[in-house]
C-alpha cells in the first residue's frame, strides 16, 4: 500500500481542502488482491486506493467518460503484421498510468482510513 500512496503523492494528485456546502464528496477505500503464478504459488500482493465513483452524477459531477481500450481483433491484426514482416514484438506496462492523465473536473474524495 505504501507504493500506491507514494505514487499518488509523487504525482500531486490530491490537496486537502475544507468541505464546502453542496460539494459532492465521493468515498475512497483500499482494495487488496493476491496475484498467483501459473503453478499456483503467490507472485505478489497488490494494493490500490480506489474512488467510489458510483456516487457521482452525470451532468453534475462529470460530463463524459472514456477509457481507451484496444479491440482484440485489432491487436491480433497487428501481431499478424508484425510476424509477417519479421518485426520484433515488445510489451510494456506503465505503472500507475491513470495518474498521468488530466481531468477537466475537480473530483472531491474523502480520506480513506490510513491516509
PDB file of N, CA and C in Angstrom:
ATOM      1  N   UNK A   1       0.830  -1.194   0.000  1.00  0.00           N
ATOM      2  CA  UNK A   1       0.000   0.000   0.000  1.00  0.00           C
ATOM      3  C   UNK A   1       0.871   1.253   0.000  1.00  0.00           C
ATOM      4  N   UNK A   2       2.033   1.171   0.625  1.00  0.00           N
ATOM      5  CA  UNK A   2       2.914   2.341   0.662  1.00  0.00           C
ATOM      6  C   UNK A   2       3.309   2.788  -0.742  1.00  0.00           C
ATOM      7  N   UNK A   3       3.546   1.830  -1.643  1.00  0.00           N
ATOM      8  CA  UNK A   3       3.909   2.158  -3.022  1.00  0.00           C
ATOM      9  C   UNK A   3       2.788   2.931  -3.700  1.00  0.00           C
ATOM     10  N   UNK A   4       1.565   2.507  -3.489  1.00  0.00           N
ATOM     11  CA  UNK A   4       0.400   3.179  -4.075  1.00  0.00           C
ATOM     12  C   UNK A   4       0.266   4.610  -3.536  1.00  0.00           C
ATOM     13  N   UNK A   5       0.369   4.771  -2.245  1.00  0.00           N
ATOM     14  CA  UNK A   5       0.274   6.105  -1.633  1.00  0.00           C
ATOM     15  C   UNK A   5       1.414   6.992  -2.116  1.00  0.00           C
ATOM     16  N   UNK A   6       2.624   6.430  -2.200  1.00  0.00           N
ATOM     17  CA  UNK A   6       3.775   7.199  -2.687  1.00  0.00           C
ATOM     18  C   UNK A   6       3.548   7.685  -4.116  1.00  0.00           C
ATOM     19  N   UNK A   7       2.951   6.840  -4.966  1.00  0.00           N
ATOM     20  CA  UNK A   7       2.672   7.230  -6.353  1.00  0.00           C
ATOM     21  C   UNK A   7       1.651   8.365  -6.395  1.00  0.00           C
ATOM     22  N   UNK A   8       0.625   8.290  -5.571  1.00  0.00           N
ATOM     23  CA  UNK A   8      -0.370   9.364  -5.504  1.00  0.00           C
ATOM     24  C   UNK A   8       0.274  10.677  -5.078  1.00  0.00           C
ATOM     25  N   UNK A   9       1.153  10.605  -4.102  1.00  0.00           N
ATOM     26  CA  UNK A   9       1.835  11.805  -3.607  1.00  0.00           C
ATOM     27  C   UNK A   9       2.809  12.356  -4.647  1.00  0.00           C
ATOM     28  N   UNK A  10       3.566  11.472  -5.308  1.00  0.00           N
ATOM     29  CA  UNK A  10       4.566  11.902  -6.285  1.00  0.00           C
ATOM     30  C   UNK A  10       3.928  12.626  -7.469  1.00  0.00           C
ATOM     31  N   UNK A  11       2.715  12.243  -7.834  1.00  0.00           N
ATOM     32  CA  UNK A  11       2.017  12.877  -8.958  1.00  0.00           C
ATOM     33  C   UNK A  11       1.155  14.062  -8.520  1.00  0.00           C
ATOM     34  N   UNK A  12       1.223  14.421  -7.253  1.00  0.00           N
ATOM     35  CA  UNK A  12       0.460  15.561  -6.714  1.00  0.00           C
ATOM     36  C   UNK A  12      -1.018  15.446  -7.091  1.00  0.00           C
ATOM     37  N   UNK A  13      -1.598  14.300  -6.780  1.00  0.00           N
ATOM     38  CA  UNK A  13      -2.977  14.026  -7.187  1.00  0.00           C
ATOM     39  C   UNK A  13      -4.026  14.562  -6.231  1.00  0.00           C
ATOM     40  N   UNK A  14      -3.608  15.052  -5.097  1.00  0.00           N
ATOM     41  CA  UNK A  14      -4.626  15.480  -4.139  1.00  0.00           C
ATOM     42  C   UNK A  14      -4.148  16.652  -3.294  1.00  0.00           C
ATOM     43  N   UNK A  15      -5.119  17.441  -2.876  1.00  0.00           N
ATOM     44  CA  UNK A  15      -4.906  18.560  -1.960  1.00  0.00           C
ATOM     45  C   UNK A  15      -5.957  18.455  -0.870  1.00  0.00           C
ATOM     46  N   UNK A  16      -5.573  18.747   0.333  1.00  0.00           N
ATOM     47  CA  UNK A  16      -6.520  18.759   1.440  1.00  0.00           C
ATOM     48  C   UNK A  16      -7.218  20.117   1.452  1.00  0.00           C
ATOM     49  N   UNK A  17      -8.545  20.102   1.298  1.00  0.00           N
ATOM     50  CA  UNK A  17      -9.319  21.339   1.244  1.00  0.00           C
ATOM     51  C   UNK A  17     -10.500  21.224   2.194  1.00  0.00           C
ATOM     52  N   UNK A  18     -11.021  22.358   2.673  1.00  0.00           N
ATOM     53  CA  UNK A  18     -12.211  22.292   3.529  1.00  0.00           C
ATOM     54  C   UNK A  18     -13.432  21.880   2.709  1.00  0.00           C
ATOM     55  N   UNK A  19     -14.329  21.183   3.346  1.00  0.00           N
ATOM     56  CA  UNK A  19     -15.566  20.752   2.685  1.00  0.00           C
ATOM     57  C   UNK A  19     -16.499  21.952   2.552  1.00  0.00           C
ATOM     58  N   UNK A  20     -16.989  22.164   1.330  1.00  0.00           N
ATOM     59  CA  UNK A  20     -17.899  23.276   1.049  1.00  0.00           C
ATOM     60  C   UNK A  20     -19.335  22.765   0.943  1.00  0.00           C
ATOM     61  N   UNK A  21     -20.306  23.636   1.197  1.00  0.00           N
ATOM     62  CA  UNK A  21     -21.700  23.223   1.021  1.00  0.00           C
ATOM     63  C   UNK A  21     -21.947  22.797  -0.430  1.00  0.00           C
ATOM     64  N   UNK A  22     -22.776  21.806  -0.619  1.00  0.00           N
ATOM     65  CA  UNK A  22     -23.151  21.275  -1.933  1.00  0.00           C
ATOM     66  C   UNK A  22     -21.990  20.618  -2.679  1.00  0.00           C
ATOM     67  N   UNK A  23     -20.870  20.387  -2.002  1.00  0.00           N
ATOM     68  CA  UNK A  23     -19.745  19.694  -2.631  1.00  0.00           C
ATOM     69  C   UNK A  23     -20.034  18.195  -2.617  1.00  0.00           C
ATOM     70  N   UNK A  24     -19.959  17.563  -3.784  1.00  0.00           N
ATOM     71  CA  UNK A  24     -20.119  16.114  -3.838  1.00  0.00           C
ATOM     72  C   UNK A  24     -18.792  15.483  -3.438  1.00  0.00           C
ATOM     73  N   UNK A  25     -18.803  14.776  -2.340  1.00  0.00           N
ATOM     74  CA  UNK A  25     -17.595  14.094  -1.871  1.00  0.00           C
ATOM     75  C   UNK A  25     -17.837  12.597  -2.013  1.00  0.00           C
ATOM     76  N   UNK A  26     -17.022  11.961  -2.843  1.00  0.00           N
ATOM     77  CA  UNK A  26     -17.157  10.519  -3.015  1.00  0.00           C
ATOM     78  C   UNK A  26     -16.169   9.816  -2.096  1.00  0.00           C
ATOM     79  N   UNK A  27     -16.538   8.659  -1.670  1.00  0.00           N
ATOM     80  CA  UNK A  27     -15.683   7.907  -0.763  1.00  0.00           C
ATOM     81  C   UNK A  27     -14.485   7.301  -1.477  1.00  0.00           C
ATOM     82  N   UNK A  28     -13.546   6.858  -0.704  1.00  0.00           N
ATOM     83  CA  UNK A  28     -12.415   6.104  -1.237  1.00  0.00           C
ATOM     84  C   UNK A  28     -12.136   4.961  -0.278  1.00  0.00           C
ATOM     85  N   UNK A  29     -11.519   3.930  -0.797  1.00  0.00           N
ATOM     86  CA  UNK A  29     -11.196   2.789   0.049  1.00  0.00           C
ATOM     87  C   UNK A  29      -9.978   2.070  -0.497  1.00  0.00           C
ATOM     88  N   UNK A  30      -9.441   1.203   0.316  1.00  0.00           N
ATOM     89  CA  UNK A  30      -8.301   0.385  -0.088  1.00  0.00           C
ATOM     90  C   UNK A  30      -8.822  -0.954  -0.595  1.00  0.00           C
ATOM     91  N   UNK A  31      -8.230  -1.437  -1.676  1.00  0.00           N
ATOM     92  CA  UNK A  31      -8.595  -2.735  -2.241  1.00  0.00           C
ATOM     93  C   UNK A  31      -7.323  -3.566  -2.342  1.00  0.00           C
ATOM     94  N   UNK A  32      -7.403  -4.788  -1.858  1.00  0.00           N
ATOM     95  CA  UNK A  32      -6.249  -5.683  -1.869  1.00  0.00           C
ATOM     96  C   UNK A  32      -6.554  -6.889  -2.746  1.00  0.00           C
ATOM     97  N   UNK A  33      -5.532  -7.386  -3.435  1.00  0.00           N
ATOM     98  CA  UNK A  33      -5.686  -8.579  -4.274  1.00  0.00           C
ATOM     99  C   UNK A  33      -4.395  -9.386  -4.234  1.00  0.00           C
ATOM    100  N   UNK A  34      -4.532 -10.681  -4.413  1.00  0.00           N
ATOM    101  CA  UNK A  34      -3.379 -11.569  -4.498  1.00  0.00           C
ATOM    102  C   UNK A  34      -3.212 -11.995  -5.947  1.00  0.00           C
ATOM    103  N   UNK A  35      -1.979 -11.974  -6.442  1.00  0.00           N
ATOM    104  CA  UNK A  35      -1.676 -12.422  -7.801  1.00  0.00           C
ATOM    105  C   UNK A  35      -0.877 -13.713  -7.702  1.00  0.00           C
ATOM    106  N   UNK A  36      -1.311 -14.721  -8.453  1.00  0.00           N
ATOM    107  CA  UNK A  36      -0.674 -16.033  -8.390  1.00  0.00           C
ATOM    108  C   UNK A  36       0.005 -16.374  -9.711  1.00  0.00           C
ATOM    109  N   UNK A  37       1.085 -17.131  -9.625  1.00  0.00           N
ATOM    110  CA  UNK A  37       1.757 -17.659 -10.803  1.00  0.00           C
ATOM    111  C   UNK A  37       0.953 -18.831 -11.349  1.00  0.00           C
ATOM    112  N   UNK A  38       1.293 -19.285 -12.533  1.00  0.00           N
ATOM    113  CA  UNK A  38       0.539 -20.370 -13.161  1.00  0.00           C
ATOM    114  C   UNK A  38       0.591 -21.659 -12.350  1.00  0.00           C
ATOM    115  N   UNK A  39       1.650 -21.842 -11.552  1.00  0.00           N
ATOM    116  CA  UNK A  39       1.757 -23.055 -10.729  1.00  0.00           C
ATOM    117  C   UNK A  39       0.985 -22.942  -9.417  1.00  0.00           C
ATOM    118  N   UNK A  40       0.324 -21.803  -9.211  1.00  0.00           N
ATOM    119  CA  UNK A  40      -0.487 -21.618  -8.013  1.00  0.00           C
ATOM    120  C   UNK A  40       0.229 -20.947  -6.861  1.00  0.00           C
ATOM    121  N   UNK A  41       1.527 -20.703  -7.005  1.00  0.00           N
ATOM    122  CA  UNK A  41       2.263 -20.038  -5.926  1.00  0.00           C
ATOM    123  C   UNK A  41       2.015 -18.530  -5.978  1.00  0.00           C
ATOM    124  N   UNK A  42       2.137 -17.903  -4.834  1.00  0.00           N
ATOM    125  CA  UNK A  42       1.878 -16.468  -4.720  1.00  0.00           C
ATOM    126  C   UNK A  42       2.975 -15.677  -5.421  1.00  0.00           C
ATOM    127  N   UNK A  43       2.581 -14.821  -6.361  1.00  0.00           N
ATOM    128  CA  UNK A  43       3.531 -13.962  -7.058  1.00  0.00           C
ATOM    129  C   UNK A  43       3.746 -12.668  -6.278  1.00  0.00           C
ATOM    130  N   UNK A  44       2.631 -12.002  -5.927  1.00  0.00           N
ATOM    131  CA  UNK A  44       2.729 -10.739  -5.201  1.00  0.00           C
ATOM    132  C   UNK A  44       1.365 -10.357  -4.654  1.00  0.00           C
ATOM    133  N   UNK A  45       1.403  -9.382  -3.782  1.00  0.00           N
ATOM    134  CA  UNK A  45       0.180  -8.799  -3.247  1.00  0.00           C
ATOM    135  C   UNK A  45       0.013  -7.424  -3.880  1.00  0.00           C
ATOM    136  N   UNK A  46      -1.195  -7.128  -4.342  1.00  0.00           N
ATOM    137  CA  UNK A  46      -1.471  -5.826  -4.935  1.00  0.00           C
ATOM    138  C   UNK A  46      -2.365  -5.034  -3.992  1.00  0.00           C
ATOM    139  N   UNK A  47      -2.139  -3.747  -3.959  1.00  0.00           N
ATOM    140  CA  UNK A  47      -2.966  -2.863  -3.143  1.00  0.00           C
ATOM    141  C   UNK A  47      -3.275  -1.613  -3.957  1.00  0.00           C
ATOM    142  N   UNK A  48      -4.502  -1.156  -3.893  1.00  0.00           N
ATOM    143  CA  UNK A  48      -4.922   0.034  -4.620  1.00  0.00           C
ATOM    144  C   UNK A  48      -5.806   0.899  -3.734  1.00  0.00           C
ATOM    145  N   UNK A  49      -5.743   2.194  -3.988  1.00  0.00           N
ATOM    146  CA  UNK A  49      -6.697   3.130  -3.403  1.00  0.00           C
ATOM    147  C   UNK A  49      -7.674   3.457  -4.524  1.00  0.00           C
ATOM    148  N   UNK A  50      -8.955   3.231  -4.294  1.00  0.00           N
ATOM    149  CA  UNK A  50      -9.957   3.455  -5.336  1.00  0.00           C
ATOM    150  C   UNK A  50     -10.998   4.460  -4.860  1.00  0.00           C
ATOM    151  N   UNK A  51     -11.482   5.251  -5.807  1.00  0.00           N
ATOM    152  CA  UNK A  51     -12.569   6.191  -5.529  1.00  0.00           C
ATOM    153  C   UNK A  51     -13.887   5.498  -5.825  1.00  0.00           C
ATOM    154  N   UNK A  52     -14.875   5.765  -5.028  1.00  0.00           N
ATOM    155  CA  UNK A  52     -16.200   5.173  -5.210  1.00  0.00           C
ATOM    156  C   UNK A  52     -17.025   6.084  -6.122  1.00  0.00           C
ATOM    157  N   UNK A  53     -16.640   6.088  -7.398  1.00  0.00           N
ATOM    158  CA  UNK A  53     -17.220   6.993  -8.379  1.00  0.00           C
ATOM    159  C   UNK A  53     -18.686   6.772  -8.676  1.00  0.00           C
ATOM    160  N   UNK A  54     -19.241   5.652  -8.232  1.00  0.00           N
ATOM    161  CA  UNK A  54     -20.661   5.398  -8.474  1.00  0.00           C
ATOM    162  C   UNK A  54     -21.549   6.422  -7.775  1.00  0.00           C
ATOM    163  N   UNK A  55     -20.983   7.219  -6.885  1.00  0.00           N
ATOM    164  CA  UNK A  55     -21.758   8.261  -6.207  1.00  0.00           C
ATOM    165  C   UNK A  55     -21.850   9.545  -7.029  1.00  0.00           C
ATOM    166  N   UNK A  56     -21.077   9.636  -8.114  1.00  0.00           N
ATOM    167  CA  UNK A  56     -21.109  10.834  -8.947  1.00  0.00           C
ATOM    168  C   UNK A  56     -22.339  10.820  -9.850  1.00  0.00           C
ATOM    169  N   UNK A  57     -22.801  12.023 -10.199  1.00  0.00           N
ATOM    170  CA  UNK A  57     -23.970  12.159 -11.063  1.00  0.00           C
ATOM    171  C   UNK A  57     -23.550  12.751 -12.400  1.00  0.00           C
ATOM    172  N   UNK A  58     -23.971  12.089 -13.489  1.00  0.00           N
ATOM    173  CA  UNK A  58     -23.681  12.588 -14.827  1.00  0.00           C
ATOM    174  C   UNK A  58     -24.311  13.968 -15.009  1.00  0.00           C
ATOM    175  N   UNK A  59     -23.572  14.886 -15.593  1.00  0.00           N
ATOM    176  CA  UNK A  59     -24.063  16.238 -15.823  1.00  0.00           C
ATOM    177  C   UNK A  59     -23.869  17.162 -14.639  1.00  0.00           C
ATOM    178  N   UNK A  60     -23.607  16.593 -13.474  1.00  0.00           N
ATOM    179  CA  UNK A  60     -23.359  17.396 -12.274  1.00  0.00           C
ATOM    180  C   UNK A  60     -21.881  17.309 -11.906  1.00  0.00           C
ATOM    181  N   UNK A  61     -21.388  16.090 -11.741  1.00  0.00           N
ATOM    182  CA  UNK A  61     -20.008  15.877 -11.318  1.00  0.00           C
ATOM    183  C   UNK A  61     -19.062  15.580 -12.483  1.00  0.00           C
ATOM    184  N   UNK A  62     -19.605  15.154 -13.615  1.00  0.00           N
ATOM    185  CA  UNK A  62     -18.785  14.885 -14.794  1.00  0.00           C
ATOM    186  C   UNK A  62     -19.653  14.971 -16.043  1.00  0.00           C
ATOM    187  N   UNK A  63     -19.006  15.176 -17.192  1.00  0.00           N
ATOM    188  CA  UNK A  63     -19.732  15.331 -18.452  1.00  0.00           C
ATOM    189  C   UNK A  63     -19.540  14.153 -19.404  1.00  0.00           C
ATOM    190  N   UNK A  64     -18.414  13.453 -19.300  1.00  0.00           N
ATOM    191  CA  UNK A  64     -18.172  12.347 -20.217  1.00  0.00           C
ATOM    192  C   UNK A  64     -17.257  11.318 -19.564  1.00  0.00           C
ATOM    193  N   UNK A  65     -17.285  10.117 -20.106  1.00  0.00           N
ATOM    194  CA  UNK A  65     -16.358   9.078 -19.668  1.00  0.00           C
ATOM    195  C   UNK A  65     -15.697   8.496 -20.907  1.00  0.00           C
ATOM    196  N   UNK A  66     -14.452   8.080 -20.750  1.00  0.00           N
ATOM    197  CA  UNK A  66     -13.723   7.487 -21.865  1.00  0.00           C
ATOM    198  C   UNK A  66     -12.607   6.623 -21.311  1.00  0.00           C
ATOM    199  N   UNK A  67     -12.492   5.435 -21.828  1.00  0.00           N
ATOM    200  CA  UNK A  67     -11.396   4.542 -21.459  1.00  0.00           C
ATOM    201  C   UNK A  67     -10.832   3.943 -22.743  1.00  0.00           C
ATOM    202  N   UNK A  68      -9.614   4.338 -23.126  1.00  0.00           N
ATOM    203  CA  UNK A  68      -9.046   3.812 -24.367  1.00  0.00           C
ATOM    204  C   UNK A  68      -8.695   2.331 -24.228  1.00  0.00           C
ATOM    205  N   UNK A  69      -9.401   1.500 -24.963  1.00  0.00           N
ATOM    206  CA  UNK A  69      -9.178   0.056 -24.915  1.00  0.00           C
ATOM    207  C   UNK A  69      -9.089  -0.454 -26.349  1.00  0.00           C
ATOM    208  N   UNK A  70      -8.056  -1.226 -26.634  1.00  0.00           N
ATOM    209  CA  UNK A  70      -7.894  -1.791 -27.974  1.00  0.00           C
ATOM    210  C   UNK A  70      -8.814  -2.995 -28.144  1.00  0.00           C
ATOM    211  N   UNK A  71      -9.422  -3.106 -29.307  1.00  0.00           N
ATOM    212  CA  UNK A  71     -10.241  -4.279 -29.609  1.00  0.00           C
ATOM    213  C   UNK A  71      -9.310  -5.458 -29.869  1.00  0.00           C
ATOM    214  N   UNK A  72      -9.698  -6.641 -29.432  1.00  0.00           N
ATOM    215  CA  UNK A  72      -8.857  -7.825 -29.592  1.00  0.00           C
ATOM    216  C   UNK A  72      -8.568  -8.105 -31.067  1.00  0.00           C
ATOM    217  N   UNK A  73      -9.524  -7.844 -31.947  1.00  0.00           N
ATOM    218  CA  UNK A  73      -9.308  -8.058 -33.379  1.00  0.00           C
ATOM    219  C   UNK A  73      -8.184  -7.156 -33.892  1.00  0.00           C
ATOM    220  N   UNK A  74      -8.115  -5.921 -33.407  1.00  0.00           N
ATOM    221  CA  UNK A  74      -7.048  -5.003 -33.799  1.00  0.00           C
ATOM    222  C   UNK A  74      -5.701  -5.497 -33.304  1.00  0.00           C
ATOM    223  N   UNK A  75      -5.643  -5.952 -32.066  1.00  0.00           N
ATOM    224  CA  UNK A  75      -4.394  -6.476 -31.505  1.00  0.00           C
ATOM    225  C   UNK A  75      -3.922  -7.676 -32.312  1.00  0.00           C
ATOM    226  N   UNK A  76      -4.820  -8.590 -32.618  1.00  0.00           N
ATOM    227  CA  UNK A  76      -4.457  -9.776 -33.415  1.00  0.00           C
ATOM    228  C   UNK A  76      -3.942  -9.378 -34.792  1.00  0.00           C
ATOM    229  N   UNK A  77      -4.593  -8.410 -35.422  1.00  0.00           N
ATOM    230  CA  UNK A  77      -4.163  -7.953 -36.745  1.00  0.00           C
ATOM    231  C   UNK A  77      -2.758  -7.366 -36.693  1.00  0.00           C
ATOM    232  N   UNK A  78      -2.476  -6.585 -35.670  1.00  0.00           N
ATOM    233  CA  UNK A  78      -1.138  -6.005 -35.530  1.00  0.00           C
ATOM    234  C   UNK A  78      -0.086  -7.084 -35.295  1.00  0.00           C
ATOM    235  N   UNK A  79      -0.432  -8.105 -34.536  1.00  0.00           N
ATOM    236  CA  UNK A  79       0.505  -9.213 -34.311  1.00  0.00           C
ATOM    237  C   UNK A  79       0.782  -9.944 -35.622  1.00  0.00           C
ATOM    238  N   UNK A  80      -0.248 -10.167 -36.429  1.00  0.00           N
ATOM    239  CA  UNK A  80      -0.063 -10.827 -37.726  1.00  0.00           C
ATOM    240  C   UNK A  80       0.877 -10.014 -38.612  1.00  0.00           C
ATOM    241  N   UNK A  81       0.661  -8.709 -38.684  1.00  0.00           N
ATOM    242  CA  UNK A  81       1.529  -7.851 -39.492  1.00  0.00           C
ATOM    243  C   UNK A  81       2.964  -7.913 -38.975  1.00  0.00           C
ATOM    244  N   UNK A  82       3.145  -7.819 -37.667  1.00  0.00           N
ATOM    245  CA  UNK A  82       4.492  -7.855 -37.090  1.00  0.00           C
ATOM    246  C   UNK A  82       5.193  -9.173 -37.392  1.00  0.00           C
ATOM    247  N   UNK A  83       4.471 -10.275 -37.281  1.00  0.00           N
ATOM    248  CA  UNK A  83       5.074 -11.591 -37.538  1.00  0.00           C
ATOM    249  C   UNK A  83       5.431 -11.743 -39.016  1.00  0.00           C
ATOM    250  N   UNK A  84       4.519 -11.346 -39.911  1.00  0.00           N
ATOM    251  CA  UNK A  84       4.791 -11.500 -41.347  1.00  0.00           C
ATOM    252  C   UNK A  84       5.908 -10.575 -41.821  1.00  0.00           C
ATOM    253  N   UNK A  85       6.097  -9.457 -41.147  1.00  0.00           N
ATOM    254  CA  UNK A  85       7.166  -8.521 -41.512  1.00  0.00           C
ATOM    255  C   UNK A  85       8.450  -8.771 -40.719  1.00  0.00           C
ATOM    256  N   UNK A  86       8.423  -9.784 -39.858  1.00  0.00           N
ATOM    257  CA  UNK A  86       9.568 -10.131 -39.013  1.00  0.00           C
ATOM    258  C   UNK A  86       9.986  -8.956 -38.111  1.00  0.00           C
ATOM    259  N   UNK A  87       8.986  -8.226 -37.617  1.00  0.00           N
ATOM    260  CA  UNK A  87       9.239  -7.131 -36.688  1.00  0.00           C
ATOM    261  C   UNK A  87       9.297  -7.687 -35.268  1.00  0.00           C
ATOM    262  N   UNK A  88      10.134  -7.098 -34.431  1.00  0.00           N
ATOM    263  CA  UNK A  88      10.158  -7.571 -33.035  1.00  0.00           C
ATOM    264  C   UNK A  88       8.899  -7.105 -32.296  1.00  0.00           C
ATOM    265  N   UNK A  89       8.419  -7.926 -31.409  1.00  0.00           N
ATOM    266  CA  UNK A  89       7.266  -7.577 -30.579  1.00  0.00           C
ATOM    267  C   UNK A  89       7.757  -7.328 -29.161  1.00  0.00           C
ATOM    268  N   UNK A  90       7.360  -6.216 -28.597  1.00  0.00           N
ATOM    269  CA  UNK A  90       7.713  -5.913 -27.210  1.00  0.00           C
ATOM    270  C   UNK A  90       6.448  -5.531 -26.453  1.00  0.00           C
ATOM    271  N   UNK A  91       6.512  -5.646 -25.167  1.00  0.00           N
ATOM    272  CA  UNK A  91       5.377  -5.326 -24.309  1.00  0.00           C
ATOM    273  C   UNK A  91       5.870  -4.398 -23.217  1.00  0.00           C
ATOM    274  N   UNK A  92       5.013  -3.506 -22.779  1.00  0.00           N
ATOM    275  CA  UNK A  92       5.376  -2.653 -21.660  1.00  0.00           C
ATOM    276  C   UNK A  92       4.173  -2.422 -20.772  1.00  0.00           C
ATOM    277  N   UNK A  93       4.457  -2.064 -19.558  1.00  0.00           N
ATOM    278  CA  UNK A  93       3.416  -1.761 -18.587  1.00  0.00           C
ATOM    279  C   UNK A  93       3.767  -0.426 -17.949  1.00  0.00           C
ATOM    280  N   UNK A  94       2.876   0.528 -18.036  1.00  0.00           N
ATOM    281  CA  UNK A  94       3.098   1.831 -17.418  1.00  0.00           C
ATOM    282  C   UNK A  94       2.496   1.780 -16.025  1.00  0.00           C
ATOM    283  N   UNK A  95       3.344   1.835 -15.026  1.00  0.00           N
ATOM    284  CA  UNK A  95       2.866   1.779 -13.648  1.00  0.00           C
ATOM    285  C   UNK A  95       2.045   3.029 -13.343  1.00  0.00           C
ATOM    286  N   UNK A  96       0.904   2.825 -12.736  1.00  0.00           N
ATOM    287  CA  UNK A  96       0.021   3.927 -12.338  1.00  0.00           C
ATOM    288  C   UNK A  96      -0.315   4.849 -13.513  1.00  0.00           C
ATOM    289  N   UNK A  97      -0.575   4.261 -14.671  1.00  0.00           N
ATOM    290  CA  UNK A  97      -0.833   5.041 -15.886  1.00  0.00           C
ATOM    291  C   UNK A  97      -1.985   6.024 -15.691  1.00  0.00           C
ATOM    292  N   UNK A  98      -2.992   5.644 -14.921  1.00  0.00           N
ATOM    293  CA  UNK A  98      -4.158   6.509 -14.714  1.00  0.00           C
ATOM    294  C   UNK A  98      -3.801   7.811 -14.007  1.00  0.00           C
ATOM    295  N   UNK A  99      -2.659   7.861 -13.341  1.00  0.00           N
ATOM    296  CA  UNK A  99      -2.254   9.079 -12.636  1.00  0.00           C
ATOM    297  C   UNK A  99      -1.666  10.125 -13.577  1.00  0.00           C
ATOM    298  N   UNK A 100      -1.360   9.742 -14.805  1.00  0.00           N
ATOM    299  CA  UNK A 100      -0.686  10.654 -15.724  1.00  0.00           C
ATOM    300  C   UNK A 100      -1.650  11.458 -16.588  1.00  0.00           C
ATOM    301  N   UNK A 101      -2.934  11.205 -16.481  1.00  0.00           N
ATOM    302  CA  UNK A 101      -3.923  11.959 -17.242  1.00  0.00           C
ATOM    303  C   UNK A 101      -4.381  13.192 -16.481  1.00  0.00           C
ATOM    304  N   UNK A 102      -5.016  14.094 -17.203  1.00  0.00           N
ATOM    305  CA  UNK A 102      -5.551  15.306 -16.585  1.00  0.00           C
ATOM    306  C   UNK A 102      -7.072  15.277 -16.644  1.00  0.00           C
ATOM    307  N   UNK A 103      -7.705  15.694 -15.568  1.00  0.00           N
ATOM    308  CA  UNK A 103      -9.162  15.785 -15.513  1.00  0.00           C
ATOM    309  C   UNK A 103      -9.588  17.235 -15.679  1.00  0.00           C
ATOM    310  N   UNK A 104     -10.705  17.442 -16.380  1.00  0.00           N
ATOM    311  CA  UNK A 104     -11.262  18.784 -16.500  1.00  0.00           C
ATOM    312  C   UNK A 104     -11.975  19.177 -15.212  1.00  0.00           C
ATOM    313  N   UNK A 105     -12.638  18.198 -14.608  1.00  0.00           N
ATOM    314  CA  UNK A 105     -13.418  18.455 -13.407  1.00  0.00           C
ATOM    315  C   UNK A 105     -12.576  18.216 -12.157  1.00  0.00           C
ATOM    316  N   UNK A 106     -12.973  18.872 -11.089  1.00  0.00           N
ATOM    317  CA  UNK A 106     -12.388  18.585  -9.788  1.00  0.00           C
ATOM    318  C   UNK A 106     -13.179  17.446  -9.168  1.00  0.00           C
ATOM    319  N   UNK A 107     -12.487  16.445  -8.691  1.00  0.00           N
ATOM    320  CA  UNK A 107     -13.127  15.306  -8.038  1.00  0.00           C
ATOM    321  C   UNK A 107     -12.754  15.363  -6.566  1.00  0.00           C
ATOM    322  N   UNK A 108     -13.756  15.432  -5.707  1.00  0.00           N
ATOM    323  CA  UNK A 108     -13.514  15.504  -4.269  1.00  0.00           C
ATOM    324  C   UNK A 108     -13.768  14.139  -3.652  1.00  0.00           C
ATOM    325  N   UNK A 109     -12.750  13.599  -3.014  1.00  0.00           N
ATOM    326  CA  UNK A 109     -12.891  12.304  -2.349  1.00  0.00           C
ATOM    327  C   UNK A 109     -12.594  12.463  -0.873  1.00  0.00           C
ATOM    328  N   UNK A 110     -13.258  11.663  -0.084  1.00  0.00           N
ATOM    329  CA  UNK A 110     -12.956  11.638   1.337  1.00  0.00           C
ATOM    330  C   UNK A 110     -11.675  10.852   1.565  1.00  0.00           C
ATOM    331  N   UNK A 111     -11.050  11.083   2.675  1.00  0.00           N
ATOM    332  CA  UNK A 111      -9.845  10.333   3.009  1.00  0.00           C
ATOM    333  C   UNK A 111     -10.217   8.917   3.399  1.00  0.00           C
ATOM    334  N   UNK A 112      -9.483   7.956   2.872  1.00  0.00           N
ATOM    335  CA  UNK A 112      -9.685   6.571   3.293  1.00  0.00           C
ATOM    336  C   UNK A 112      -8.937   6.363   4.603  1.00  0.00           C
ATOM    337  N   UNK A 113      -9.301   5.357   5.326  1.00  0.00           N
ATOM    338  CA  UNK A 113      -8.634   5.091   6.598  1.00  0.00           C
ATOM    339  C   UNK A 113      -7.160   4.820   6.356  1.00  0.00           C
ATOM    340  N   UNK A 114      -6.318   5.456   7.123  1.00  0.00           N
ATOM    341  CA  UNK A 114      -4.884   5.276   6.980  1.00  0.00           C
ATOM    342  C   UNK A 114      -4.237   6.322   6.093  1.00  0.00           C
ATOM    343  N   UNK A 115      -4.990   7.327   5.638  1.00  0.00           N
ATOM    344  CA  UNK A 115      -4.372   8.392   4.873  1.00  0.00           C
ATOM    345  C   UNK A 115      -4.939   8.555   3.534  1.00  0.00           C
TER     346      UNK A 115
END
